[in-house]
Amino acid sequence: MSAAEHRNWPLVPLRHLVLLNALTGGLEFSASAIFTYVPPMLLKAGVGDTFMTTVMGLGPLIGIFAIPIIGQASDRCTSRYGRRRPFIFAISLGVIFAMLLIPYAEVLSLYLHEESR
C-alpha cells in the first residue's frame, strides 16, 4: 500500500477506539475473575479434578453454539436502539449478575444442597 492510499483512510476518534475496546476489556476481566475464583471454590466444595475441568470447559463449549444463534437473532432485531445494543446490554446484565453471585457461591451451594434433601 502506498503512502498516498494510506493518507486517504479516515481517522477514527480515540473515544470510538476506547469504547470498542471496553467491551473486550470487560469480557477479559470477567473471564479472568471466573477462571481465578471458580476452581478453588469447586475444589473446596469437593468437586473432583475431572468434573471441575468439565465444568470450566462448558462455558466456551456453549459459546461455540450460542454466539452464532445470538448473532443471527441480533441481525434480525429491529429495536429502536439498533441491532446489537439490546443484546450487548442483556448479556452484560447477565455477566454482572453472575459476577455478583461468585462471592456467594458457597452459601448458595449449601442452600441448594439442603433444599434437594
PDB file of N, CA and C in Angstrom:
ATOM      1  N   MET A   1       0.849  -1.175   0.000  1.00  0.00           N
ATOM      2  CA  MET A   1       0.000   0.000   0.000  1.00  0.00           C
ATOM      3  C   MET A   1       0.889   1.230   0.000  1.00  0.00           C
ATOM      4  N   SER A   2       0.567   2.162  -0.838  1.00  0.00           N
ATOM      5  CA  SER A   2       1.379   3.368  -0.943  1.00  0.00           C
ATOM      6  C   SER A   2       1.000   4.358   0.156  1.00  0.00           C
ATOM      7  N   ALA A   3       1.860   5.311   0.365  1.00  0.00           N
ATOM      8  CA  ALA A   3       1.617   6.335   1.383  1.00  0.00           C
ATOM      9  C   ALA A   3       0.399   7.184   1.028  1.00  0.00           C
ATOM     10  N   ALA A   4       0.168   7.405  -0.256  1.00  0.00           N
ATOM     11  CA  ALA A   4      -0.980   8.205  -0.689  1.00  0.00           C
ATOM     12  C   ALA A   4      -2.295   7.489  -0.373  1.00  0.00           C
ATOM     13  N   GLU A   5      -2.314   6.173  -0.581  1.00  0.00           N
ATOM     14  CA  GLU A   5      -3.531   5.412  -0.245  1.00  0.00           C
ATOM     15  C   GLU A   5      -3.765   5.402   1.262  1.00  0.00           C
ATOM     16  N   HIS A   6      -2.709   5.300   2.035  1.00  0.00           N
ATOM     17  CA  HIS A   6      -2.834   5.272   3.487  1.00  0.00           C
ATOM     18  C   HIS A   6      -3.374   6.593   4.029  1.00  0.00           C
ATOM     19  N   ARG A   7      -2.996   7.716   3.416  1.00  0.00           N
ATOM     20  CA  ARG A   7      -3.457   9.029   3.869  1.00  0.00           C
ATOM     21  C   ARG A   7      -4.949   9.229   3.627  1.00  0.00           C
ATOM     22  N   ASN A   8      -5.558   8.503   2.718  1.00  0.00           N
ATOM     23  CA  ASN A   8      -6.974   8.672   2.409  1.00  0.00           C
ATOM     24  C   ASN A   8      -7.893   7.953   3.394  1.00  0.00           C
ATOM     25  N   TRP A   9      -7.336   7.141   4.285  1.00  0.00           N
ATOM     26  CA  TRP A   9      -8.178   6.456   5.261  1.00  0.00           C
ATOM     27  C   TRP A   9      -8.698   7.460   6.276  1.00  0.00           C
ATOM     28  N   PRO A  10      -9.964   7.333   6.673  1.00  0.00           N
ATOM     29  CA  PRO A  10     -10.481   8.258   7.686  1.00  0.00           C
ATOM     30  C   PRO A  10      -9.891   7.921   9.058  1.00  0.00           C
ATOM     31  N   LEU A  11      -9.632   8.962   9.831  1.00  0.00           N
ATOM     32  CA  LEU A  11      -9.127   8.763  11.186  1.00  0.00           C
ATOM     33  C   LEU A  11     -10.280   8.400  12.115  1.00  0.00           C
ATOM     34  N   VAL A  12     -10.045   7.447  12.975  1.00  0.00           N
ATOM     35  CA  VAL A  12     -11.055   7.031  13.945  1.00  0.00           C
ATOM     36  C   VAL A  12     -10.793   7.785  15.239  1.00  0.00           C
ATOM     37  N   PRO A  13     -11.821   8.443  15.786  1.00  0.00           N
ATOM     38  CA  PRO A  13     -11.619   9.180  17.039  1.00  0.00           C
ATOM     39  C   PRO A  13     -11.202   8.247  18.179  1.00  0.00           C
ATOM     40  N   LEU A  14     -10.416   8.768  19.088  1.00  0.00           N
ATOM     41  CA  LEU A  14      -9.909   7.980  20.207  1.00  0.00           C
ATOM     42  C   LEU A  14     -11.048   7.432  21.061  1.00  0.00           C
ATOM     43  N   ARG A  15     -12.103   8.212  21.258  1.00  0.00           N
ATOM     44  CA  ARG A  15     -13.215   7.733  22.100  1.00  0.00           C
ATOM     45  C   ARG A  15     -13.903   6.522  21.471  1.00  0.00           C
ATOM     46  N   HIS A  16     -13.937   6.440  20.160  1.00  0.00           N
ATOM     47  CA  HIS A  16     -14.516   5.268  19.488  1.00  0.00           C
ATOM     48  C   HIS A  16     -13.656   4.039  19.738  1.00  0.00           C
ATOM     49  N   LEU A  17     -12.349   4.226  19.673  1.00  0.00           N
ATOM     50  CA  LEU A  17     -11.447   3.112  19.941  1.00  0.00           C
ATOM     51  C   LEU A  17     -11.554   2.640  21.386  1.00  0.00           C
ATOM     52  N   VAL A  18     -11.676   3.581  22.315  1.00  0.00           N
ATOM     53  CA  VAL A  18     -11.810   3.225  23.733  1.00  0.00           C
ATOM     54  C   VAL A  18     -13.111   2.474  23.958  1.00  0.00           C
ATOM     55  N   LEU A  19     -14.200   2.951  23.403  1.00  0.00           N
ATOM     56  CA  LEU A  19     -15.491   2.272  23.569  1.00  0.00           C
ATOM     57  C   LEU A  19     -15.484   0.885  22.935  1.00  0.00           C
ATOM     58  N   LEU A  20     -14.863   0.776  21.797  1.00  0.00           N
ATOM     59  CA  LEU A  20     -14.786  -0.512  21.122  1.00  0.00           C
ATOM     60  C   LEU A  20     -13.998  -1.518  21.952  1.00  0.00           C
ATOM     61  N   ASN A  21     -12.913  -1.079  22.530  1.00  0.00           N
ATOM     62  CA  ASN A  21     -12.072  -1.973  23.318  1.00  0.00           C
ATOM     63  C   ASN A  21     -12.589  -2.185  24.735  1.00  0.00           C
ATOM     64  N   ALA A  22     -13.513  -1.357  25.204  1.00  0.00           N
ATOM     65  CA  ALA A  22     -14.083  -1.539  26.538  1.00  0.00           C
ATOM     66  C   ALA A  22     -14.860  -2.849  26.616  1.00  0.00           C
ATOM     67  N   LEU A  23     -15.527  -3.210  25.559  1.00  0.00           N
ATOM     68  CA  LEU A  23     -16.273  -4.468  25.541  1.00  0.00           C
ATOM     69  C   LEU A  23     -15.331  -5.664  25.696  1.00  0.00           C
ATOM     70  N   THR A  24     -14.260  -5.669  24.954  1.00  0.00           N
ATOM     71  CA  THR A  24     -13.289  -6.752  25.045  1.00  0.00           C
ATOM     72  C   THR A  24     -12.598  -6.738  26.402  1.00  0.00           C
ATOM     73  N   GLY A  25     -12.287  -5.566  26.908  1.00  0.00           N
ATOM     74  CA  GLY A  25     -11.669  -5.462  28.232  1.00  0.00           C
ATOM     75  C   GLY A  25     -12.574  -5.999  29.323  1.00  0.00           C
ATOM     76  N   GLY A  26     -13.853  -5.688  29.243  1.00  0.00           N
ATOM     77  CA  GLY A  26     -14.808  -6.206  30.225  1.00  0.00           C
ATOM     78  C   GLY A  26     -14.940  -7.716  30.151  1.00  0.00           C
ATOM     79  N   LEU A  27     -14.942  -8.234  28.948  1.00  0.00           N
ATOM     80  CA  LEU A  27     -15.017  -9.682  28.770  1.00  0.00           C
ATOM     81  C   LEU A  27     -13.785 -10.361  29.347  1.00  0.00           C
ATOM     82  N   GLU A  28     -12.618  -9.808  29.080  1.00  0.00           N
ATOM     83  CA  GLU A  28     -11.372 -10.374  29.616  1.00  0.00           C
ATOM     84  C   GLU A  28     -11.340 -10.287  31.131  1.00  0.00           C
ATOM     85  N   PHE A  29     -11.812  -9.181  31.685  1.00  0.00           N
ATOM     86  CA  PHE A  29     -11.879  -9.034  33.140  1.00  0.00           C
ATOM     87  C   PHE A  29     -12.787 -10.092  33.754  1.00  0.00           C
ATOM     88  N   SER A  30     -13.944 -10.288  33.152  1.00  0.00           N
ATOM     89  CA  SER A  30     -14.889 -11.294  33.660  1.00  0.00           C
ATOM     90  C   SER A  30     -14.303 -12.695  33.559  1.00  0.00           C
ATOM     91  N   ALA A  31     -13.698 -13.013  32.441  1.00  0.00           N
ATOM     92  CA  ALA A  31     -13.125 -14.346  32.267  1.00  0.00           C
ATOM     93  C   ALA A  31     -11.997 -14.594  33.251  1.00  0.00           C
ATOM     94  N   SER A  32     -11.161 -13.592  33.480  1.00  0.00           N
ATOM     95  CA  SER A  32     -10.068 -13.788  34.423  1.00  0.00           C
ATOM     96  C   SER A  32     -10.587 -13.968  35.837  1.00  0.00           C
ATOM     97  N   ALA A  33     -11.643 -13.245  36.203  1.00  0.00           N
ATOM     98  CA  ALA A  33     -12.228 -13.426  37.535  1.00  0.00           C
ATOM     99  C   ALA A  33     -12.835 -14.818  37.681  1.00  0.00           C
ATOM    100  N   ILE A  34     -13.519 -15.279  36.656  1.00  0.00           N
ATOM    101  CA  ILE A  34     -14.143 -16.606  36.722  1.00  0.00           C
ATOM    102  C   ILE A  34     -13.091 -17.698  36.808  1.00  0.00           C
ATOM    103  N   PHE A  35     -12.077 -17.628  35.956  1.00  0.00           N
ATOM    104  CA  PHE A  35     -11.059 -18.680  35.946  1.00  0.00           C
ATOM    105  C   PHE A  35     -10.134 -18.601  37.155  1.00  0.00           C
ATOM    106  N   THR A  36     -10.170 -17.491  37.895  1.00  0.00           N
ATOM    107  CA  THR A  36      -9.372 -17.380  39.111  1.00  0.00           C
ATOM    108  C   THR A  36     -10.133 -17.860  40.336  1.00  0.00           C
ATOM    109  N   TYR A  37     -11.404 -17.501  40.456  1.00  0.00           N
ATOM    110  CA  TYR A  37     -12.146 -17.779  41.679  1.00  0.00           C
ATOM    111  C   TYR A  37     -12.951 -19.076  41.663  1.00  0.00           C
ATOM    112  N   VAL A  38     -13.412 -19.499  40.522  1.00  0.00           N
ATOM    113  CA  VAL A  38     -14.289 -20.671  40.478  1.00  0.00           C
ATOM    114  C   VAL A  38     -13.567 -21.987  40.782  1.00  0.00           C
ATOM    115  N   PRO A  39     -12.389 -22.287  40.204  1.00  0.00           N
ATOM    116  CA  PRO A  39     -11.749 -23.579  40.509  1.00  0.00           C
ATOM    117  C   PRO A  39     -11.492 -23.828  41.989  1.00  0.00           C
ATOM    118  N   PRO A  40     -10.965 -22.851  42.766  1.00  0.00           N
ATOM    119  CA  PRO A  40     -10.804 -23.127  44.197  1.00  0.00           C
ATOM    120  C   PRO A  40     -12.132 -23.386  44.917  1.00  0.00           C
ATOM    121  N   MET A  41     -13.186 -22.693  44.479  1.00  0.00           N
ATOM    122  CA  MET A  41     -14.499 -22.926  45.094  1.00  0.00           C
ATOM    123  C   MET A  41     -15.002 -24.327  44.774  1.00  0.00           C
ATOM    124  N   LEU A  42     -14.794 -24.770  43.552  1.00  0.00           N
ATOM    125  CA  LEU A  42     -15.215 -26.121  43.180  1.00  0.00           C
ATOM    126  C   LEU A  42     -14.425 -27.168  43.949  1.00  0.00           C
ATOM    127  N   LEU A  43     -13.126 -26.947  44.103  1.00  0.00           N
ATOM    128  CA  LEU A  43     -12.311 -27.894  44.861  1.00  0.00           C
ATOM    129  C   LEU A  43     -12.722 -27.912  46.330  1.00  0.00           C
ATOM    130  N   LYS A  44     -13.009 -26.756  46.885  1.00  0.00           N
ATOM    131  CA  LYS A  44     -13.438 -26.661  48.279  1.00  0.00           C
ATOM    132  C   LYS A  44     -14.788 -27.347  48.486  1.00  0.00           C
ATOM    133  N   ALA A  45     -15.634 -27.317  47.462  1.00  0.00           N
ATOM    134  CA  ALA A  45     -16.946 -27.960  47.555  1.00  0.00           C
ATOM    135  C   ALA A  45     -16.856 -29.471  47.373  1.00  0.00           C
ATOM    136  N   GLY A  46     -15.649 -29.985  47.073  1.00  0.00           N
ATOM    137  CA  GLY A  46     -15.475 -31.425  46.934  1.00  0.00           C
ATOM    138  C   GLY A  46     -15.629 -31.945  45.520  1.00  0.00           C
ATOM    139  N   VAL A  47     -15.622 -31.065  44.559  1.00  0.00           N
ATOM    140  CA  VAL A  47     -15.738 -31.481  43.167  1.00  0.00           C
ATOM    141  C   VAL A  47     -14.380 -32.027  42.716  1.00  0.00           C
ATOM    142  N   GLY A  48     -14.381 -33.151  42.061  1.00  0.00           N
ATOM    143  CA  GLY A  48     -13.148 -33.757  41.593  1.00  0.00           C
ATOM    144  C   GLY A  48     -12.518 -32.986  40.447  1.00  0.00           C
ATOM    145  N   ASP A  49     -11.225 -33.259  40.210  1.00  0.00           N
ATOM    146  CA  ASP A  49     -10.499 -32.551  39.154  1.00  0.00           C
ATOM    147  C   ASP A  49     -11.118 -32.771  37.777  1.00  0.00           C
ATOM    148  N   THR A  50     -11.531 -34.002  37.501  1.00  0.00           N
ATOM    149  CA  THR A  50     -12.099 -34.305  36.186  1.00  0.00           C
ATOM    150  C   THR A  50     -13.398 -33.550  35.958  1.00  0.00           C
ATOM    151  N   PHE A  51     -14.267 -33.554  36.961  1.00  0.00           N
ATOM    152  CA  PHE A  51     -15.538 -32.850  36.823  1.00  0.00           C
ATOM    153  C   PHE A  51     -15.318 -31.346  36.776  1.00  0.00           C
ATOM    154  N   MET A  52     -14.319 -30.855  37.526  1.00  0.00           N
ATOM    155  CA  MET A  52     -14.039 -29.423  37.529  1.00  0.00           C
ATOM    156  C   MET A  52     -13.608 -28.958  36.143  1.00  0.00           C
ATOM    157  N   THR A  53     -12.758 -29.715  35.474  1.00  0.00           N
ATOM    158  CA  THR A  53     -12.348 -29.320  34.131  1.00  0.00           C
ATOM    159  C   THR A  53     -13.524 -29.360  33.162  1.00  0.00           C
ATOM    160  N   THR A  54     -14.440 -30.291  33.385  1.00  0.00           N
ATOM    161  CA  THR A  54     -15.643 -30.350  32.553  1.00  0.00           C
ATOM    162  C   THR A  54     -16.490 -29.098  32.769  1.00  0.00           C
ATOM    163  N   VAL A  55     -16.675 -28.718  34.021  1.00  0.00           N
ATOM    164  CA  VAL A  55     -17.472 -27.527  34.334  1.00  0.00           C
ATOM    165  C   VAL A  55     -16.822 -26.278  33.742  1.00  0.00           C
ATOM    166  N   MET A  56     -15.492 -26.174  33.858  1.00  0.00           N
ATOM    167  CA  MET A  56     -14.799 -24.994  33.339  1.00  0.00           C
ATOM    168  C   MET A  56     -14.809 -24.962  31.808  1.00  0.00           C
ATOM    169  N   GLY A  57     -14.897 -26.107  31.169  1.00  0.00           N
ATOM    170  CA  GLY A  57     -14.926 -26.153  29.715  1.00  0.00           C
ATOM    171  C   GLY A  57     -16.299 -25.961  29.113  1.00  0.00           C
ATOM    172  N   LEU A  58     -17.334 -26.034  29.940  1.00  0.00           N
ATOM    173  CA  LEU A  58     -18.699 -25.886  29.416  1.00  0.00           C
ATOM    174  C   LEU A  58     -18.974 -24.485  28.865  1.00  0.00           C
ATOM    175  N   GLY A  59     -18.437 -23.462  29.503  1.00  0.00           N
ATOM    176  CA  GLY A  59     -18.672 -22.091  29.041  1.00  0.00           C
ATOM    177  C   GLY A  59     -18.214 -21.870  27.613  1.00  0.00           C
ATOM    178  N   PRO A  60     -16.938 -22.158  27.311  1.00  0.00           N
ATOM    179  CA  PRO A  60     -16.503 -21.999  25.919  1.00  0.00           C
ATOM    180  C   PRO A  60     -17.248 -22.905  24.944  1.00  0.00           C
ATOM    181  N   LEU A  61     -17.588 -24.106  25.383  1.00  0.00           N
ATOM    182  CA  LEU A  61     -18.315 -25.025  24.509  1.00  0.00           C
ATOM    183  C   LEU A  61     -19.712 -24.489  24.185  1.00  0.00           C
ATOM    184  N   ILE A  62     -20.391 -23.983  25.188  1.00  0.00           N
ATOM    185  CA  ILE A  62     -21.712 -23.383  24.961  1.00  0.00           C
ATOM    186  C   ILE A  62     -21.583 -22.156  24.054  1.00  0.00           C
ATOM    187  N   GLY A  63     -20.495 -21.393  24.248  1.00  0.00           N
ATOM    188  CA  GLY A  63     -20.266 -20.211  23.421  1.00  0.00           C
ATOM    189  C   GLY A  63     -20.146 -20.529  21.944  1.00  0.00           C
ATOM    190  N   ILE A  64     -19.559 -21.685  21.623  1.00  0.00           N
ATOM    191  CA  ILE A  64     -19.418 -22.078  20.218  1.00  0.00           C
ATOM    192  C   ILE A  64     -20.778 -22.148  19.537  1.00  0.00           C
ATOM    193  N   PHE A  65     -21.784 -22.616  20.262  1.00  0.00           N
ATOM    194  CA  PHE A  65     -23.125 -22.746  19.688  1.00  0.00           C
ATOM    195  C   PHE A  65     -23.985 -21.511  19.915  1.00  0.00           C
ATOM    196  N   ALA A  66     -23.801 -20.837  21.066  1.00  0.00           N
ATOM    197  CA  ALA A  66     -24.665 -19.704  21.399  1.00  0.00           C
ATOM    198  C   ALA A  66     -24.338 -18.457  20.591  1.00  0.00           C
ATOM    199  N   ILE A  67     -23.065 -18.209  20.327  1.00  0.00           N
ATOM    200  CA  ILE A  67     -22.681 -16.973  19.645  1.00  0.00           C
ATOM    201  C   ILE A  67     -23.304 -16.865  18.254  1.00  0.00           C
ATOM    202  N   PRO A  68     -23.276 -17.918  17.423  1.00  0.00           N
ATOM    203  CA  PRO A  68     -23.954 -17.783  16.114  1.00  0.00           C
ATOM    204  C   PRO A  68     -25.471 -17.593  16.242  1.00  0.00           C
ATOM    205  N   ILE A  69     -26.081 -18.230  17.231  1.00  0.00           N
ATOM    206  CA  ILE A  69     -27.531 -18.079  17.426  1.00  0.00           C
ATOM    207  C   ILE A  69     -27.861 -16.655  17.853  1.00  0.00           C
ATOM    208  N   ILE A  70     -27.081 -16.121  18.799  1.00  0.00           N
ATOM    209  CA  ILE A  70     -27.297 -14.746  19.251  1.00  0.00           C
ATOM    210  C   ILE A  70     -27.014 -13.770  18.113  1.00  0.00           C
ATOM    211  N   GLY A  71     -25.977 -14.030  17.326  1.00  0.00           N
ATOM    212  CA  GLY A  71     -25.661 -13.171  16.183  1.00  0.00           C
ATOM    213  C   GLY A  71     -26.777 -13.151  15.164  1.00  0.00           C
ATOM    214  N   GLN A  72     -27.359 -14.320  14.907  1.00  0.00           N
ATOM    215  CA  GLN A  72     -28.466 -14.391  13.947  1.00  0.00           C
ATOM    216  C   GLN A  72     -29.680 -13.637  14.479  1.00  0.00           C
ATOM    217  N   ALA A  73     -29.950 -13.782  15.774  1.00  0.00           N
ATOM    218  CA  ALA A  73     -31.084 -13.061  16.363  1.00  0.00           C
ATOM    219  C   ALA A  73     -30.852 -11.553  16.320  1.00  0.00           C
ATOM    220  N   SER A  74     -29.610 -11.120  16.577  1.00  0.00           N
ATOM    221  CA  SER A  74     -29.352  -9.677  16.558  1.00  0.00           C
ATOM    222  C   SER A  74     -29.399  -9.124  15.131  1.00  0.00           C
ATOM    223  N   ASP A  75     -29.082  -9.943  14.143  1.00  0.00           N
ATOM    224  CA  ASP A  75     -29.195  -9.489  12.757  1.00  0.00           C
ATOM    225  C   ASP A  75     -30.648  -9.220  12.376  1.00  0.00           C
ATOM    226  N   ARG A  76     -31.557  -9.918  13.008  1.00  0.00           N
ATOM    227  CA  ARG A  76     -32.992  -9.743  12.719  1.00  0.00           C
ATOM    228  C   ARG A  76     -33.666  -8.733  13.634  1.00  0.00           C
ATOM    229  N   CYS A  77     -32.937  -8.216  14.605  1.00  0.00           N
ATOM    230  CA  CYS A  77     -33.507  -7.292  15.588  1.00  0.00           C
ATOM    231  C   CYS A  77     -33.852  -5.958  14.934  1.00  0.00           C
ATOM    232  N   THR A  78     -35.021  -5.439  15.258  1.00  0.00           N
ATOM    233  CA  THR A  78     -35.455  -4.150  14.713  1.00  0.00           C
ATOM    234  C   THR A  78     -35.723  -3.147  15.834  1.00  0.00           C
ATOM    235  N   SER A  79     -34.961  -3.232  16.901  1.00  0.00           N
ATOM    236  CA  SER A  79     -35.121  -2.340  18.041  1.00  0.00           C
ATOM    237  C   SER A  79     -34.755  -0.911  17.657  1.00  0.00           C
ATOM    238  N   ARG A  80     -35.352   0.039  18.344  1.00  0.00           N
ATOM    239  CA  ARG A  80     -35.014   1.443  18.084  1.00  0.00           C
ATOM    240  C   ARG A  80     -33.617   1.770  18.590  1.00  0.00           C
ATOM    241  N   TYR A  81     -33.027   0.885  19.412  1.00  0.00           N
ATOM    242  CA  TYR A  81     -31.667   1.087  19.923  1.00  0.00           C
ATOM    243  C   TYR A  81     -30.613   0.475  19.006  1.00  0.00           C
ATOM    244  N   GLY A  82     -31.039  -0.125  17.935  1.00  0.00           N
ATOM    245  CA  GLY A  82     -30.111  -0.735  16.992  1.00  0.00           C
ATOM    246  C   GLY A  82     -30.186  -2.253  17.063  1.00  0.00           C
ATOM    247  N   ARG A  83     -29.350  -2.888  16.272  1.00  0.00           N
ATOM    248  CA  ARG A  83     -29.380  -4.351  16.217  1.00  0.00           C
ATOM    249  C   ARG A  83     -28.555  -4.981  17.321  1.00  0.00           C
ATOM    250  N   ARG A  84     -27.449  -4.394  17.678  1.00  0.00           N
ATOM    251  CA  ARG A  84     -26.515  -5.016  18.612  1.00  0.00           C
ATOM    252  C   ARG A  84     -26.699  -4.575  20.059  1.00  0.00           C
ATOM    253  N   ARG A  85     -27.042  -3.318  20.267  1.00  0.00           N
ATOM    254  CA  ARG A  85     -27.089  -2.777  21.631  1.00  0.00           C
ATOM    255  C   ARG A  85     -27.999  -3.542  22.581  1.00  0.00           C
ATOM    256  N   PRO A  86     -29.206  -3.935  22.200  1.00  0.00           N
ATOM    257  CA  PRO A  86     -30.038  -4.676  23.158  1.00  0.00           C
ATOM    258  C   PRO A  86     -29.401  -5.995  23.602  1.00  0.00           C
ATOM    259  N   PHE A  87     -28.713  -6.657  22.690  1.00  0.00           N
ATOM    260  CA  PHE A  87     -28.078  -7.926  23.026  1.00  0.00           C
ATOM    261  C   PHE A  87     -26.852  -7.701  23.904  1.00  0.00           C
ATOM    262  N   ILE A  88     -26.070  -6.693  23.585  1.00  0.00           N
ATOM    263  CA  ILE A  88     -24.905  -6.376  24.417  1.00  0.00           C
ATOM    264  C   ILE A  88     -25.360  -5.999  25.816  1.00  0.00           C
ATOM    265  N   PHE A  89     -26.424  -5.216  25.922  1.00  0.00           N
ATOM    266  CA  PHE A  89     -26.942  -4.794  27.227  1.00  0.00           C
ATOM    267  C   PHE A  89     -27.446  -5.992  28.025  1.00  0.00           C
ATOM    268  N   ALA A  90     -28.244  -6.851  27.403  1.00  0.00           N
ATOM    269  CA  ALA A  90     -28.805  -8.009  28.112  1.00  0.00           C
ATOM    270  C   ALA A  90     -27.714  -8.985  28.560  1.00  0.00           C
ATOM    271  N   ILE A  91     -26.777  -9.260  27.696  1.00  0.00           N
ATOM    272  CA  ILE A  91     -25.698 -10.177  28.057  1.00  0.00           C
ATOM    273  C   ILE A  91     -24.813  -9.556  29.134  1.00  0.00           C
ATOM    274  N   SER A  92     -24.587  -8.256  29.060  1.00  0.00           N
ATOM    275  CA  SER A  92     -23.794  -7.581  30.088  1.00  0.00           C
ATOM    276  C   SER A  92     -24.480  -7.666  31.449  1.00  0.00           C
ATOM    277  N   LEU A  93     -25.787  -7.502  31.479  1.00  0.00           N
ATOM    278  CA  LEU A  93     -26.512  -7.652  32.747  1.00  0.00           C
ATOM    279  C   LEU A  93     -26.372  -9.063  33.298  1.00  0.00           C
ATOM    280  N   GLY A  94     -26.437 -10.055  32.417  1.00  0.00           N
ATOM    281  CA  GLY A  94     -26.263 -11.437  32.860  1.00  0.00           C
ATOM    282  C   GLY A  94     -24.880 -11.690  33.431  1.00  0.00           C
ATOM    283  N   VAL A  95     -23.856 -11.124  32.795  1.00  0.00           N
ATOM    284  CA  VAL A  95     -22.481 -11.287  33.289  1.00  0.00           C
ATOM    285  C   VAL A  95     -22.311 -10.580  34.628  1.00  0.00           C
ATOM    286  N   ILE A  96     -22.857  -9.380  34.761  1.00  0.00           N
ATOM    287  CA  ILE A  96     -22.772  -8.654  36.034  1.00  0.00           C
ATOM    288  C   ILE A  96     -23.464  -9.437  37.132  1.00  0.00           C
ATOM    289  N   PHE A  97     -24.639  -9.970  36.855  1.00  0.00           N
ATOM    290  CA  PHE A  97     -25.367 -10.770  37.845  1.00  0.00           C
ATOM    291  C   PHE A  97     -24.549 -11.994  38.259  1.00  0.00           C
ATOM    292  N   ALA A  98     -23.962 -12.681  37.283  1.00  0.00           N
ATOM    293  CA  ALA A  98     -23.146 -13.858  37.592  1.00  0.00           C
ATOM    294  C   ALA A  98     -21.917 -13.476  38.410  1.00  0.00           C
ATOM    295  N   MET A  99     -21.292 -12.346  38.083  1.00  0.00           N
ATOM    296  CA  MET A  99     -20.122 -11.907  38.841  1.00  0.00           C
ATOM    297  C   MET A  99     -20.494 -11.548  40.279  1.00  0.00           C
ATOM    298  N   LEU A 100     -21.687 -11.003  40.468  1.00  0.00           N
ATOM    299  CA  LEU A 100     -22.128 -10.695  41.827  1.00  0.00           C
ATOM    300  C   LEU A 100     -22.444 -11.949  42.628  1.00  0.00           C
ATOM    301  N   LEU A 101     -22.789 -13.035  41.954  1.00  0.00           N
ATOM    302  CA  LEU A 101     -23.087 -14.294  42.646  1.00  0.00           C
ATOM    303  C   LEU A 101     -21.838 -15.066  43.064  1.00  0.00           C
ATOM    304  N   ILE A 102     -20.707 -14.830  42.411  1.00  0.00           N
ATOM    305  CA  ILE A 102     -19.500 -15.612  42.681  1.00  0.00           C
ATOM    306  C   ILE A 102     -19.102 -15.583  44.158  1.00  0.00           C
ATOM    307  N   PRO A 103     -19.098 -14.428  44.839  1.00  0.00           N
ATOM    308  CA  PRO A 103     -18.704 -14.463  46.258  1.00  0.00           C
ATOM    309  C   PRO A 103     -19.659 -15.268  47.145  1.00  0.00           C
ATOM    310  N   TYR A 104     -20.876 -15.455  46.704  1.00  0.00           N
ATOM    311  CA  TYR A 104     -21.872 -16.176  47.496  1.00  0.00           C
ATOM    312  C   TYR A 104     -22.091 -17.605  47.010  1.00  0.00           C
ATOM    313  N   ALA A 105     -21.207 -18.090  46.166  1.00  0.00           N
ATOM    314  CA  ALA A 105     -21.387 -19.412  45.563  1.00  0.00           C
ATOM    315  C   ALA A 105     -21.408 -20.513  46.611  1.00  0.00           C
ATOM    316  N   GLU A 106     -20.559 -20.413  47.606  1.00  0.00           N
ATOM    317  CA  GLU A 106     -20.512 -21.453  48.636  1.00  0.00           C
ATOM    318  C   GLU A 106     -21.812 -21.489  49.430  1.00  0.00           C
ATOM    319  N   VAL A 107     -22.303 -20.344  49.821  1.00  0.00           N
ATOM    320  CA  VAL A 107     -23.559 -20.275  50.579  1.00  0.00           C
ATOM    321  C   VAL A 107     -24.716 -20.779  49.729  1.00  0.00           C
ATOM    322  N   LEU A 108     -24.745 -20.376  48.454  1.00  0.00           N
ATOM    323  CA  LEU A 108     -25.814 -20.830  47.565  1.00  0.00           C
ATOM    324  C   LEU A 108     -25.771 -22.341  47.352  1.00  0.00           C
ATOM    325  N   SER A 109     -24.562 -22.894  47.213  1.00  0.00           N
ATOM    326  CA  SER A 109     -24.469 -24.343  47.020  1.00  0.00           C
ATOM    327  C   SER A 109     -24.931 -25.099  48.260  1.00  0.00           C
ATOM    328  N   LEU A 110     -24.599 -24.592  49.445  1.00  0.00           N
ATOM    329  CA  LEU A 110     -25.079 -25.231  50.673  1.00  0.00           C
ATOM    330  C   LEU A 110     -26.597 -25.135  50.784  1.00  0.00           C
ATOM    331  N   TYR A 111     -27.140 -23.987  50.427  1.00  0.00           N
ATOM    332  CA  TYR A 111     -28.588 -23.803  50.480  1.00  0.00           C
ATOM    333  C   TYR A 111     -29.295 -24.710  49.480  1.00  0.00           C
ATOM    334  N   LEU A 112     -28.797 -24.774  48.266  1.00  0.00           N
ATOM    335  CA  LEU A 112     -29.422 -25.614  47.248  1.00  0.00           C
ATOM    336  C   LEU A 112     -29.241 -27.099  47.569  1.00  0.00           C
ATOM    337  N   HIS A 113     -28.132 -27.462  48.185  1.00  0.00           N
ATOM    338  CA  HIS A 113     -27.909 -28.840  48.557  1.00  0.00           C
ATOM    339  C   HIS A 113     -28.876 -29.262  49.654  1.00  0.00           C
ATOM    340  N   GLU A 114     -29.134 -28.372  50.611  1.00  0.00           N
ATOM    341  CA  GLU A 114     -30.091 -28.676  51.679  1.00  0.00           C
ATOM    342  C   GLU A 114     -31.516 -28.750  51.130  1.00  0.00           C
ATOM    343  N   GLU A 115     -31.827 -27.925  50.155  1.00  0.00           N
ATOM    344  CA  GLU A 115     -33.166 -27.917  49.565  1.00  0.00           C
ATOM    345  C   GLU A 115     -33.460 -29.229  48.824  1.00  0.00           C
ATOM    346  N   SER A 116     -32.437 -29.861  48.259  1.00  0.00           N
ATOM    347  CA  SER A 116     -32.661 -31.063  47.466  1.00  0.00           C
ATOM    348  C   SER A 116     -32.883 -32.297  48.345  1.00  0.00           C
ATOM    349  N   ARG A 117     -32.601 -32.210  49.619  1.00  0.00           N
ATOM    350  CA  ARG A 117     -32.798 -33.368  50.511  1.00  0.00           C
ATOM    351  C   ARG A 117     -34.207 -33.498  50.974  1.00  0.00           C
TER     352      ARG A 117
END
